[in-house]
Amino acid sequence: MSEAASAQVTLANSTALLPSLGPLLHSWLPRQRWFAGKGHPITAFSLVSATELLPVAADGGPGLLHLLVRAHQPTMPAQPPADCYQLLLGVRAALPPLLAPALIGRPDHGPLAGLTVYEGLHDPRLAALLLERLRTPGGLGALSFARAAAVPAGLAPRVLDTEQSNSSLVYGDAYILKVFRRVFPGTNPDLELPLALAREGCGRVPAPVAWFEAAGPERLTLGVLQPFLRDAEDGWQLALRALAAGDDFTAEAYALGRATAEVHTALAAALPAPALRRAQTGRLAAAMVHRLESAAHAVPELVPYVPGLRAAFDALAAGGAGTGRPAQRVHGDLHLGQTLRGTDGFWSLIDFEGEPSRSLAERRTPQPPVRDIAGMLRSFDYAARSHRPWNPAWAARCRTAYCDGYAASAGVDPRGEPELLRAHETDKAVYEVVYEARHRPDWLPVPMAAIRRLAGADAEPAEPVEADTETD
């Protein structure tokens, strides 16, 4: 245990740390839901930072090691730089039976030789320590902790096991901590936008109470603590339940449209909202065409519909708006699964990180608000096609009610520029086709049915699929 004991003072800056963990990470990292490089071999790891949140005790008691690690995958598109991942590693002499599923491995050399390394967020002692760090603003190694409000001590932690692109812990059913796994330079929109909305007094989004970042030329947002809406239900499950019961959902869709408009109005007031001139609209349409062409190359089923789909983007580029179209910060990945309804019927919007496949710079760029609206319209279609028998009339009614609710609150009807709405809905459907082809092939008929409709082809009813989640 002498090597482990010395790790208490040398671990964070040991040059042997990453080489000793490398073999374990090669096996463990690609199996994680949030790892973005699946299907591409990892050739090397490089260490960005290492911080001991809790040093490993001399007797092998639990320690918590925070790492930022780059996974080098030369066959990945858009490399370099290599993707950077946040790891919170627990370290013990031996792993209690309850933590056995969190095992990563046992290094056979280096400063952790003879010890057990595991996913630290699953250890209640270490998860509680992370909350204590958030309760106390300040710096520790490469990390900095900040808070906007006081956080109670002693809240019991539990990990949410739902599959997602990040990790989440709930503390005492009062707060939820989202830990970002794949991190990027710059402020994450899931911190930036809720903070901006809180300043505007918008109650539709839980306001951040604490967060932590990594220092550097540009800060990296690592985690955000927000109130946990424990009695709320997510809109996706509510919609599926309504479909199963044969219930109408238009009142909920209308209220959700109003909630979306309130968030958009607050974001436009809180952050710059430039107008998109004709040239910028042309570039927006050209980017959609590029994504379509790339998608058709990756998913051959799209090829017959490319001319019809491209017509939607050409119409956007050729449209009017000589005085400019409104653009602003938006949610960026809005669908029913990103909404919560309280027991009082009040709707909230969550998860402002944006589409995981897009760069952080793109996610932070002002967009037409209709982008969010198109995402929600596609979500109603997803819900309807996930139910047996398929209920297209249910989706159509929800889409109309949602737009009606939005227009009643915002004073602007998103259907007022049909070429703009069609282009964004088409772009979203193309994104869905690529996502489903890569991750859930059984779901591919769902967006393909929309592709046929949006391309102007004769729609063929897609075979519905059983579902309990949406695309990320």
Protein backbone atom coordinates (compact mmCIF):
# COMPACT_ATOMS: atom_id res chain seq x y z
CA MET A 1 0.00 0.00 0.00
CA SER A 2 3.00 2.31 0.05
CA GLU A 3 2.44 3.41 -3.53
CA ALA A 4 -1.23 4.10 -2.77
CA ALA A 5 -0.28 6.07 0.31
CA SER A 6 2.07 8.28 -1.66
CA ALA A 7 -0.75 8.92 -4.14
CA GLN A 8 -2.34 11.13 -1.46
CA VAL A 9 0.12 13.91 -2.26
CA THR A 10 1.30 13.14 -5.80
CA LEU A 11 -1.69 11.71 -7.63
CA ALA A 12 -3.01 14.83 -9.37
CA ASN A 13 0.32 15.74 -10.94
CA SER A 14 1.74 12.26 -11.41
CA THR A 15 2.91 11.67 -14.98
CA ALA A 16 2.21 7.97 -14.43
CA LEU A 17 -1.48 8.50 -13.64
CA LEU A 18 -2.96 8.47 -17.14
CA PRO A 19 -0.73 5.66 -18.49
CA SER A 20 -1.89 3.49 -15.58
CA LEU A 21 -5.56 4.27 -16.24
CA GLY A 22 -5.33 4.06 -20.03
CA PRO A 23 -5.95 0.30 -20.39
CA LEU A 24 -9.02 0.55 -18.15
CA LEU A 25 -10.44 3.56 -20.00
CA HIS A 26 -9.92 1.90 -23.39
CA SER A 27 -12.37 -0.78 -22.32
CA TRP A 28 -14.77 1.22 -20.13
CA LEU A 29 -15.22 4.55 -21.93
CA PRO A 30 -16.72 3.29 -25.24
CA ARG A 31 -19.40 1.40 -23.30
CA GLN A 32 -20.80 4.57 -21.75
CA ARG A 33 -24.02 5.98 -23.16
CA TRP A 34 -22.53 9.47 -23.26
CA PHE A 35 -19.41 8.51 -25.22
CA ALA A 36 -19.71 10.16 -28.63
CA GLY A 37 -17.04 8.21 -30.51
CA LYS A 38 -18.64 4.79 -30.73
CA GLY A 39 -17.41 2.76 -33.68
CA HIS A 40 -14.09 4.61 -33.88
CA PRO A 41 -10.98 3.17 -32.21
CA ILE A 42 -9.26 5.15 -29.44
CA THR A 43 -5.56 5.38 -30.23
CA ALA A 44 -4.45 7.40 -27.20
CA PHE A 45 -5.54 9.50 -24.24
CA SER A 46 -4.15 12.86 -23.19
CA LEU A 47 -4.67 14.51 -19.82
CA VAL A 48 -6.15 18.01 -19.75
CA SER A 49 -6.37 18.30 -15.96
CA ALA A 50 -6.45 16.19 -12.81
CA THR A 51 -7.83 17.38 -9.46
CA GLU A 52 -8.18 15.42 -6.25
CA LEU A 53 -11.56 16.39 -4.85
CA LEU A 54 -10.87 13.93 -2.04
CA PRO A 55 -7.37 12.46 -1.70
CA VAL A 56 -7.07 8.71 -1.43
CA ALA A 57 -6.60 7.87 2.26
CA ALA A 58 -3.53 5.96 3.41
CA ASP A 59 -5.75 3.06 4.45
CA GLY A 60 -7.34 2.85 1.01
CA GLY A 61 -10.48 4.73 2.04
CA PRO A 62 -12.57 6.37 -0.69
CA GLY A 63 -11.03 9.12 -2.75
CA LEU A 64 -12.51 11.15 -5.60
CA LEU A 65 -10.41 12.05 -8.61
CA HIS A 66 -11.65 14.54 -11.21
CA LEU A 67 -10.15 14.15 -14.68
CA LEU A 68 -10.55 15.92 -17.99
CA VAL A 69 -9.26 13.54 -20.64
CA ARG A 70 -9.06 13.76 -24.41
CA ALA A 71 -9.81 10.57 -26.32
CA HIS A 72 -7.85 10.58 -29.59
CA GLN A 73 -9.76 8.92 -32.44
CA PRO A 74 -8.16 9.80 -35.78
CA THR A 75 -11.02 8.27 -37.78
CA MET A 76 -13.60 10.55 -36.12
CA PRO A 77 -14.84 13.48 -38.24
CA ALA A 78 -13.86 16.97 -37.09
CA GLN A 79 -10.63 15.80 -35.45
CA PRO A 80 -8.55 17.46 -34.10
CA PRO A 81 -9.09 18.51 -31.39
CA ALA A 82 -9.95 15.23 -29.76
CA ASP A 83 -13.16 15.07 -27.75
CA CYS A 84 -12.69 16.00 -24.09
CA TYR A 85 -14.52 13.97 -21.43
CA GLN A 86 -15.15 14.65 -17.78
CA LEU A 87 -14.52 11.67 -15.48
CA LEU A 88 -15.19 11.48 -11.74
CA LEU A 89 -13.33 8.40 -10.54
CA GLY A 90 -13.80 6.85 -7.16
CA VAL A 91 -10.79 5.07 -5.67
CA ARG A 92 -10.92 2.47 -2.88
CA ALA A 93 -8.84 -0.42 -1.61
CA ALA A 94 -11.83 -2.71 -2.13
CA LEU A 95 -15.27 -2.11 -3.59
CA PRO A 96 -18.36 -2.76 -1.41
CA PRO A 97 -20.88 -5.15 -3.04
CA LEU A 98 -23.39 -2.34 -3.62
CA LEU A 99 -20.85 -0.51 -5.79
CA ALA A 100 -19.85 -3.55 -7.84
CA PRO A 101 -21.79 -2.39 -10.96
CA ALA A 102 -19.74 0.85 -10.92
CA LEU A 103 -16.39 -0.98 -11.29
CA ILE A 104 -14.01 0.38 -13.93
CA GLY A 105 -10.99 -1.78 -13.05
CA ARG A 106 -7.82 -2.22 -11.04
CA PRO A 107 -4.63 -0.63 -12.38
CA ASP A 108 -1.66 -2.98 -12.31
CA HIS A 109 0.95 -0.21 -12.23
CA GLY A 110 1.31 3.50 -11.48
CA PRO A 111 0.11 5.53 -8.48
CA LEU A 112 -3.19 3.62 -8.24
CA ALA A 113 -1.69 0.13 -8.42
CA GLY A 114 -3.40 -2.21 -5.95
CA LEU A 115 -6.50 0.00 -5.68
CA THR A 116 -9.96 -0.24 -7.25
CA VAL A 117 -11.18 2.48 -9.63
CA TYR A 118 -14.90 2.96 -10.19
CA GLU A 119 -17.56 5.45 -11.34
CA GLY A 120 -17.51 7.86 -8.43
CA LEU A 121 -20.97 9.36 -8.94
CA HIS A 122 -22.52 6.04 -7.87
CA ASP A 123 -20.86 6.25 -4.44
CA PRO A 124 -23.17 8.18 -2.06
CA ARG A 125 -20.21 9.39 0.02
CA LEU A 126 -18.47 10.85 -3.01
CA ALA A 127 -21.66 12.26 -4.54
CA ALA A 128 -22.34 14.01 -1.21
CA LEU A 129 -18.82 15.44 -1.30
CA LEU A 130 -19.49 16.93 -4.73
CA LEU A 131 -22.55 18.73 -3.34
CA GLU A 132 -20.45 20.09 -0.47
CA ARG A 133 -18.01 21.55 -2.99
CA LEU A 134 -20.90 23.23 -4.78
CA ARG A 135 -22.16 24.68 -1.51
CA THR A 136 -18.82 26.44 -0.96
CA PRO A 137 -17.76 28.83 -3.76
CA GLY A 138 -14.07 28.93 -4.62
CA GLY A 139 -11.34 27.10 -6.47
CA LEU A 140 -9.71 23.72 -6.12
CA GLY A 141 -6.95 22.78 -8.52
CA ALA A 142 -8.20 23.35 -12.06
CA LEU A 143 -11.80 23.63 -10.87
CA SER A 144 -13.90 26.56 -9.71
CA PHE A 145 -17.25 26.39 -7.90
CA ALA A 146 -19.90 29.12 -7.89
CA ARG A 147 -23.41 29.51 -6.60
CA ALA A 148 -26.35 31.88 -6.99
CA ALA A 149 -28.24 30.81 -3.86
CA ALA A 150 -27.65 28.93 -0.63
CA VAL A 151 -27.88 25.14 -0.83
CA PRO A 152 -28.84 23.05 2.22
CA ALA A 153 -26.35 20.54 3.59
CA GLY A 154 -26.87 16.82 4.11
CA LEU A 155 -29.11 16.05 1.13
CA ALA A 156 -29.00 12.36 0.22
CA PRO A 157 -27.83 11.75 -3.36
CA ARG A 158 -29.08 9.27 -5.94
CA VAL A 159 -28.09 8.76 -9.56
CA LEU A 160 -30.74 8.95 -12.25
CA ASP A 161 -30.31 5.83 -14.36
CA THR A 162 -32.14 7.11 -17.43
CA GLU A 163 -29.99 6.87 -20.55
CA GLN A 164 -28.83 10.28 -21.70
CA SER A 165 -25.81 12.11 -23.05
CA ASN A 166 -24.81 13.36 -19.58
CA SER A 167 -25.08 12.12 -15.98
CA SER A 168 -27.56 13.42 -13.40
CA LEU A 169 -27.77 13.16 -9.63
CA VAL A 170 -30.75 14.11 -7.49
CA TYR A 171 -30.12 15.43 -3.98
CA GLY A 172 -32.90 14.96 -1.43
CA ASP A 173 -35.54 15.27 -4.18
CA ALA A 174 -34.85 19.01 -3.96
CA TYR A 175 -32.04 19.59 -6.49
CA ILE A 176 -30.73 17.93 -9.61
CA LEU A 177 -27.09 18.14 -10.72
CA LYS A 178 -26.35 17.63 -14.40
CA VAL A 179 -22.75 16.58 -14.95
CA PHE A 180 -21.64 17.22 -18.53
CA ARG A 181 -19.56 14.37 -19.87
CA ARG A 182 -18.36 15.62 -23.25
CA VAL A 183 -17.20 19.17 -22.60
CA PHE A 184 -16.26 22.07 -24.85
CA PRO A 185 -14.50 25.42 -24.38
CA GLY A 186 -16.99 28.15 -23.57
CA THR A 187 -20.07 28.46 -21.42
CA ASN A 188 -22.55 25.65 -21.95
CA PRO A 189 -26.00 26.95 -23.02
CA ASP A 190 -27.55 24.81 -20.28
CA LEU A 191 -25.97 27.22 -17.79
CA GLU A 192 -25.95 30.40 -19.86
CA LEU A 193 -29.59 30.43 -20.96
CA PRO A 194 -31.26 29.48 -17.65
CA LEU A 195 -29.15 32.17 -15.92
CA ALA A 196 -30.29 34.72 -18.51
CA LEU A 197 -33.92 33.64 -18.11
CA ALA A 198 -33.65 33.92 -14.33
CA ARG A 199 -32.43 37.51 -14.71
CA GLU A 200 -35.52 38.24 -16.81
CA GLY A 201 -37.78 36.74 -14.17
CA CYS A 202 -38.96 33.92 -16.45
CA GLY A 203 -40.31 31.13 -14.26
CA ARG A 204 -40.63 28.58 -17.05
CA VAL A 205 -37.08 27.27 -16.53
CA PRO A 206 -35.55 26.13 -13.20
CA ALA A 207 -32.89 28.71 -12.30
CA PRO A 208 -29.33 27.45 -11.64
CA VAL A 209 -28.40 27.62 -7.97
CA ALA A 210 -24.77 26.42 -8.30
CA TRP A 211 -22.31 25.26 -10.96
CA PHE A 212 -18.69 24.30 -11.48
CA GLU A 213 -16.24 24.92 -14.30
CA ALA A 214 -12.68 24.25 -15.37
CA ALA A 215 -10.35 27.22 -15.69
CA GLY A 216 -8.41 28.00 -18.83
CA PRO A 217 -8.28 30.46 -21.75
CA GLU A 218 -11.97 29.61 -22.13
CA ARG A 219 -13.89 28.14 -19.24
CA LEU A 220 -15.44 24.70 -19.63
CA THR A 221 -18.83 24.25 -17.99
CA LEU A 222 -18.75 20.96 -16.07
CA GLY A 223 -21.97 20.79 -14.07
CA VAL A 224 -25.12 22.74 -13.13
CA LEU A 225 -27.27 22.35 -10.01
CA GLN A 226 -30.95 23.33 -10.36
CA PRO A 227 -34.19 22.81 -8.43
CA PHE A 228 -35.62 19.33 -9.02
CA LEU A 229 -39.25 19.41 -10.11
CA ARG A 230 -40.03 16.16 -8.36
CA ASP A 231 -43.80 16.14 -8.85
CA ALA A 232 -43.66 17.10 -12.52
CA GLU A 233 -44.15 14.67 -15.40
CA ASP A 234 -42.34 14.92 -18.71
CA GLY A 235 -44.38 15.81 -21.76
CA TRP A 236 -43.35 12.75 -23.74
CA GLN A 237 -44.76 10.30 -21.20
CA LEU A 238 -47.89 12.43 -20.79
CA ALA A 239 -48.45 12.39 -24.55
CA LEU A 240 -47.97 8.63 -24.80
CA ARG A 241 -50.38 8.10 -21.92
CA ALA A 242 -52.98 10.33 -23.57
CA LEU A 243 -52.64 8.38 -26.81
CA ALA A 244 -52.98 5.05 -25.02
CA ALA A 245 -56.12 6.24 -23.24
CA GLY A 246 -57.60 7.81 -26.36
CA ASP A 247 -57.54 11.23 -24.68
CA ASP A 248 -57.32 14.59 -26.36
CA PHE A 249 -54.03 16.46 -25.83
CA THR A 250 -54.82 19.77 -27.51
CA ALA A 251 -55.26 21.73 -24.28
CA GLU A 252 -51.81 20.60 -23.14
CA ALA A 253 -50.32 21.38 -26.55
CA TYR A 254 -51.85 24.87 -26.46
CA ALA A 255 -50.45 25.53 -22.97
CA LEU A 256 -47.07 24.23 -24.08
CA GLY A 257 -47.12 26.61 -27.03
CA ARG A 258 -47.73 29.51 -24.65
CA ALA A 259 -44.86 28.35 -22.41
CA THR A 260 -42.50 28.15 -25.39
CA ALA A 261 -43.44 31.67 -26.46
CA GLU A 262 -42.80 33.02 -22.95
CA VAL A 263 -39.32 31.52 -22.96
CA HIS A 264 -38.57 32.89 -26.43
CA THR A 265 -39.79 36.34 -25.44
CA ALA A 266 -37.58 36.35 -22.33
CA LEU A 267 -34.53 35.11 -24.25
CA ALA A 268 -34.98 37.83 -26.88
CA ALA A 269 -35.08 40.44 -24.11
CA ALA A 270 -32.11 39.00 -22.19
CA LEU A 271 -29.63 38.34 -25.01
CA PRO A 272 -28.75 39.84 -28.41
CA ALA A 273 -31.43 39.21 -31.03
CA PRO A 274 -30.05 40.21 -34.44
CA ALA A 275 -32.03 40.10 -37.67
CA LEU A 276 -31.05 37.62 -40.37
CA ARG A 277 -30.54 39.49 -43.63
CA ARG A 278 -31.02 37.90 -47.03
CA ALA A 279 -27.40 36.79 -47.26
CA GLN A 280 -27.52 35.19 -43.81
CA THR A 281 -30.77 33.43 -44.68
CA GLY A 282 -29.06 32.14 -47.80
CA ARG A 283 -26.21 30.76 -45.72
CA LEU A 284 -28.73 29.16 -43.36
CA ALA A 285 -30.43 27.44 -46.31
CA ALA A 286 -27.07 26.41 -47.77
CA ALA A 287 -26.13 24.76 -44.47
CA MET A 288 -29.40 22.84 -44.56
CA VAL A 289 -28.63 21.69 -48.11
CA HIS A 290 -25.19 20.56 -47.01
CA ARG A 291 -26.64 18.56 -44.11
CA LEU A 292 -29.16 16.99 -46.50
CA GLU A 293 -26.45 15.95 -48.94
CA SER A 294 -24.31 14.49 -46.15
CA ALA A 295 -27.33 12.67 -44.73
CA ALA A 296 -28.24 11.18 -48.11
CA HIS A 297 -24.68 9.90 -48.45
CA ALA A 298 -24.93 8.26 -45.01
CA VAL A 299 -28.52 6.96 -45.32
CA PRO A 300 -29.36 5.73 -48.84
CA GLU A 301 -33.09 5.64 -48.05
CA LEU A 302 -33.06 9.44 -48.31
CA VAL A 303 -31.75 9.61 -51.88
CA PRO A 304 -35.10 9.41 -53.77
CA TYR A 305 -36.46 12.33 -51.73
CA VAL A 306 -33.51 14.71 -52.04
CA PRO A 307 -34.97 16.87 -54.87
CA GLY A 308 -38.25 17.41 -53.02
CA LEU A 309 -36.51 18.12 -49.72
CA ARG A 310 -34.05 20.49 -51.31
CA ALA A 311 -36.97 22.46 -52.74
CA ALA A 312 -37.88 23.47 -49.18
CA PHE A 313 -34.41 24.92 -48.63
CA ASP A 314 -34.34 26.62 -52.03
CA ALA A 315 -37.68 28.27 -51.22
CA LEU A 316 -36.22 29.58 -47.96
CA ALA A 317 -33.20 31.06 -49.76
CA ALA A 318 -35.40 32.66 -52.44
CA GLY A 319 -37.99 34.01 -50.01
CA GLY A 320 -38.58 37.60 -49.00
CA ALA A 321 -37.57 39.06 -45.64
CA GLY A 322 -35.53 41.81 -47.25
CA THR A 323 -35.73 43.70 -43.98
CA GLY A 324 -34.48 40.67 -42.06
CA ARG A 325 -35.95 37.76 -40.17
CA PRO A 326 -35.86 37.75 -36.36
CA ALA A 327 -33.14 35.60 -34.84
CA GLN A 328 -32.28 35.00 -31.20
CA ARG A 329 -30.98 32.41 -28.77
CA VAL A 330 -33.28 29.40 -28.68
CA HIS A 331 -33.56 26.09 -26.85
CA GLY A 332 -32.00 24.28 -29.80
CA ASP A 333 -33.32 20.75 -29.15
CA LEU A 334 -36.92 21.25 -28.09
CA HIS A 335 -39.23 18.26 -27.98
CA LEU A 336 -41.79 16.78 -25.60
CA GLY A 337 -39.10 15.02 -23.58
CA GLN A 338 -37.55 18.41 -22.73
CA THR A 339 -40.73 19.65 -21.04
CA LEU A 340 -42.25 19.07 -17.60
CA ARG A 341 -45.80 19.65 -16.43
CA GLY A 342 -46.42 20.26 -12.75
CA THR A 343 -49.43 18.97 -10.84
CA ASP A 344 -50.95 22.44 -11.24
CA GLY A 345 -50.69 22.20 -15.03
CA PHE A 346 -47.74 24.61 -15.23
CA TRP A 347 -45.29 23.73 -18.01
CA SER A 348 -41.51 24.12 -17.68
CA LEU A 349 -38.75 23.74 -20.27
CA ILE A 350 -35.48 21.98 -19.39
CA ASP A 351 -32.18 20.85 -20.92
CA PHE A 352 -30.97 23.86 -22.89
CA GLU A 353 -27.74 22.20 -23.99
CA GLY A 354 -28.87 21.90 -27.62
CA GLU A 355 -28.34 19.07 -30.08
CA PRO A 356 -25.28 17.06 -28.93
CA SER A 357 -24.08 16.53 -32.51
CA ARG A 358 -23.66 20.28 -33.16
CA SER A 359 -20.63 22.28 -32.09
CA LEU A 360 -20.94 24.53 -29.06
CA ALA A 361 -20.35 27.60 -31.26
CA GLU A 362 -23.26 26.59 -33.49
CA ARG A 363 -25.51 25.92 -30.49
CA ARG A 364 -24.78 29.41 -29.16
CA THR A 365 -25.54 31.16 -32.47
CA PRO A 366 -28.84 33.10 -32.70
CA GLN A 367 -31.42 31.22 -34.74
CA PRO A 368 -34.98 31.87 -35.95
CA PRO A 369 -37.35 30.94 -33.09
CA VAL A 370 -39.19 28.67 -35.50
CA ARG A 371 -36.36 26.19 -35.12
CA ASP A 372 -37.67 25.25 -31.67
CA ILE A 373 -41.24 25.18 -32.96
CA ALA A 374 -40.29 22.78 -35.75
CA GLY A 375 -38.68 20.49 -33.18
CA MET A 376 -41.87 20.37 -31.11
CA LEU A 377 -44.03 19.77 -34.17
CA ARG A 378 -41.85 16.81 -35.08
CA SER A 379 -42.18 15.57 -31.50
CA PHE A 380 -45.98 15.39 -31.73
CA ASP A 381 -45.55 13.34 -34.89
CA TYR A 382 -43.10 11.03 -33.10
CA ALA A 383 -45.57 10.47 -30.29
CA ALA A 384 -48.46 9.71 -32.64
CA ARG A 385 -46.42 7.27 -34.70
CA SER A 386 -45.17 5.51 -31.57
CA HIS A 387 -48.71 4.40 -30.75
CA ARG A 388 -50.67 1.50 -32.17
CA PRO A 389 -52.73 2.17 -34.16
CA TRP A 390 -51.01 5.18 -35.67
CA ASN A 391 -53.08 8.32 -34.98
CA PRO A 392 -52.10 11.06 -37.49
CA ALA A 393 -55.18 13.15 -36.64
CA TRP A 394 -54.02 13.36 -33.00
CA ALA A 395 -50.67 14.78 -34.11
CA ALA A 396 -52.32 17.24 -36.50
CA ARG A 397 -54.60 18.58 -33.77
CA CYS A 398 -51.67 18.95 -31.36
CA ARG A 399 -49.57 20.75 -33.95
CA THR A 400 -52.37 23.23 -34.62
CA ALA A 401 -53.06 23.80 -30.91
CA TYR A 402 -49.36 24.29 -30.15
CA CYS A 403 -49.00 26.95 -32.84
CA ASP A 404 -52.24 28.60 -31.69
CA GLY A 405 -50.93 28.79 -28.12
CA TYR A 406 -47.60 30.18 -29.29
CA ALA A 407 -49.28 32.85 -31.40
CA ALA A 408 -51.62 33.85 -28.55
CA SER A 409 -48.67 34.53 -26.24
CA ALA A 410 -46.01 35.79 -28.65
CA GLY A 411 -48.27 37.81 -30.91
CA VAL A 412 -46.52 36.19 -33.88
CA ASP A 413 -47.90 33.10 -35.60
CA PRO A 414 -45.09 30.68 -36.55
CA ARG A 415 -47.20 29.60 -39.54
CA GLY A 416 -47.00 33.13 -40.93
CA GLU A 417 -43.83 32.26 -42.89
CA PRO A 418 -44.61 28.78 -44.19
CA GLU A 419 -41.34 28.45 -46.15
CA LEU A 420 -39.34 29.15 -42.99
CA LEU A 421 -41.29 26.62 -40.94
CA ARG A 422 -41.17 23.97 -43.66
CA ALA A 423 -37.41 24.37 -44.10
CA HIS A 424 -36.73 23.97 -40.38
CA GLU A 425 -39.08 21.02 -40.03
CA THR A 426 -37.40 19.39 -43.03
CA ASP A 427 -33.95 20.03 -41.56
CA LYS A 428 -35.07 18.46 -38.28
CA ALA A 429 -36.50 15.40 -40.04
CA VAL A 430 -33.22 14.92 -41.91
CA TYR A 431 -31.34 15.08 -38.59
CA GLU A 432 -33.74 12.48 -37.16
CA VAL A 433 -33.15 10.12 -40.10
CA VAL A 434 -29.39 10.16 -39.53
CA TYR A 435 -29.81 9.72 -35.77
CA GLU A 436 -32.18 6.78 -36.09
CA ALA A 437 -30.12 5.09 -38.79
CA ARG A 438 -27.06 5.23 -36.55
CA HIS A 439 -28.57 4.54 -33.15
CA ARG A 440 -32.08 3.03 -33.47
CA PRO A 441 -32.66 1.51 -36.93
CA ASP A 442 -36.07 0.18 -35.88
CA TRP A 443 -37.21 3.80 -35.51
CA LEU A 444 -36.14 4.86 -39.02
CA PRO A 445 -39.68 4.54 -40.48
CA VAL A 446 -40.87 7.33 -38.17
CA PRO A 447 -38.83 10.22 -39.61
CA MET A 448 -38.95 8.65 -43.09
CA ALA A 449 -42.73 9.08 -43.11
CA ALA A 450 -42.21 12.79 -42.44
CA ILE A 451 -39.55 12.90 -45.15
CA ARG A 452 -42.08 11.62 -47.68
CA ARG A 453 -44.62 14.23 -46.62
CA LEU A 454 -42.15 17.12 -46.59
CA ALA A 455 -40.72 16.07 -49.96
CA GLY A 456 -44.19 16.15 -51.48
CA ALA A 457 -44.21 12.42 -52.16
CA ASP A 458 -47.21 10.21 -51.61
CA ALA A 459 -47.16 9.40 -47.91
CA GLU A 460 -47.10 5.74 -47.00
CA PRO A 461 -48.09 4.90 -43.42
CA ALA A 462 -44.98 3.91 -41.51
CA GLU A 463 -45.09 0.88 -39.29
CA PRO A 464 -45.43 2.32 -35.76
CA VAL A 465 -42.86 1.38 -33.14
CA GLU A 466 -43.11 0.91 -29.42
CA ALA A 467 -41.40 3.80 -27.70
CA ASP A 468 -40.59 5.34 -24.37
CA THR A 469 -37.91 7.85 -25.34
CA GLU A 470 -37.18 10.39 -28.04
CA THR A 471 -34.03 11.36 -29.87
CA ASP A 472 -31.54 13.37 -27.82
